[in-house]
């Protein structure tokens, strides 16, 4: 994906995604990037 919607990229090591110790699913959506794809 050339325009990632995440605030920070996922960390992939040896084919596994590193699970972050933050609330939720471990990823934060960048609201400004998401706005680009909004359809009303």
C-alpha atoms as a PDB file:
ATOM      1  CA  UNK A   1       0.000   0.000   0.000  1.00  0.00           C
ATOM      2  CA  UNK A   2       1.637   3.224  -1.066  1.00  0.00           C
ATOM      3  CA  UNK A   3      -0.508   5.544   1.085  1.00  0.00           C
ATOM      4  CA  UNK A   4      -0.771   3.894   4.476  1.00  0.00           C
ATOM      5  CA  UNK A   5      -3.703   4.949   6.676  1.00  0.00           C
ATOM      6  CA  UNK A   6      -1.867   4.223   9.902  1.00  0.00           C
ATOM      7  CA  UNK A   7      -0.237   6.900  12.036  1.00  0.00           C
ATOM      8  CA  UNK A   8       2.769   4.581  12.443  1.00  0.00           C
ATOM      9  CA  UNK A   9       3.668   1.717  10.126  1.00  0.00           C
ATOM     10  CA  UNK A  10       3.260  -1.861  11.314  1.00  0.00           C
ATOM     11  CA  UNK A  11       6.468  -3.545  12.381  1.00  0.00           C
ATOM     12  CA  UNK A  12       7.001  -6.853  10.585  1.00  0.00           C
ATOM     13  CA  UNK A  13       9.890  -9.073  11.686  1.00  0.00           C
ATOM     14  CA  UNK A  14      10.498 -12.576  10.335  1.00  0.00           C
ATOM     15  CA  UNK A  15       7.006 -12.620   8.804  1.00  0.00           C
ATOM     16  CA  UNK A  16       5.211 -11.683  12.028  1.00  0.00           C
ATOM     17  CA  UNK A  17       3.573  -8.395  12.963  1.00  0.00           C
ATOM     18  CA  UNK A  18       4.773  -6.969  16.273  1.00  0.00           C
ATOM     19  CA  UNK A  19       1.787  -6.417  18.570  1.00  0.00           C
ATOM     20  CA  UNK A  20       1.955  -3.001  20.185  1.00  0.00           C
ATOM     21  CA  UNK A  21       0.964  -2.446  23.766  1.00  0.00           C
ATOM     22  CA  UNK A  22      -1.718   0.164  23.151  1.00  0.00           C
ATOM     23  CA  UNK A  23      -5.470  -0.003  23.578  1.00  0.00           C
ATOM     24  CA  UNK A  24      -7.575  -1.570  20.850  1.00  0.00           C
ATOM     25  CA  UNK A  25      -6.178  -3.571  17.940  1.00  0.00           C
ATOM     26  CA  UNK A  26      -2.653  -2.163  18.236  1.00  0.00           C
ATOM     27  CA  UNK A  27      -2.884   0.312  15.378  1.00  0.00           C
ATOM     28  CA  UNK A  28      -3.879   3.982  15.215  1.00  0.00           C
ATOM     29  CA  UNK A  29      -5.644   5.349  12.133  1.00  0.00           C
ATOM     30  CA  UNK A  30      -4.366   8.740  10.946  1.00  0.00           C
ATOM     31  CA  UNK A  31      -7.540  10.869  10.731  1.00  0.00           C
ATOM     32  CA  UNK A  32      -5.999  13.297   8.221  1.00  0.00           C
ATOM     33  CA  UNK A  33      -5.065  10.487   5.844  1.00  0.00           C
ATOM     34  CA  UNK A  34      -8.476   8.879   6.282  1.00  0.00           C
ATOM     35  CA  UNK A  35     -10.179  12.178   5.387  1.00  0.00           C
ATOM     36  CA  UNK A  36      -8.661  11.908   1.900  1.00  0.00           C
ATOM     37  CA  UNK A  37     -10.824   8.829   1.217  1.00  0.00           C
ATOM     38  CA  UNK A  38     -14.059  10.142   2.735  1.00  0.00           C
ATOM     39  CA  UNK A  39     -17.140   9.840   0.578  1.00  0.00           C
ATOM     40  CA  UNK A  40     -20.328  11.663   1.477  1.00  0.00           C
END
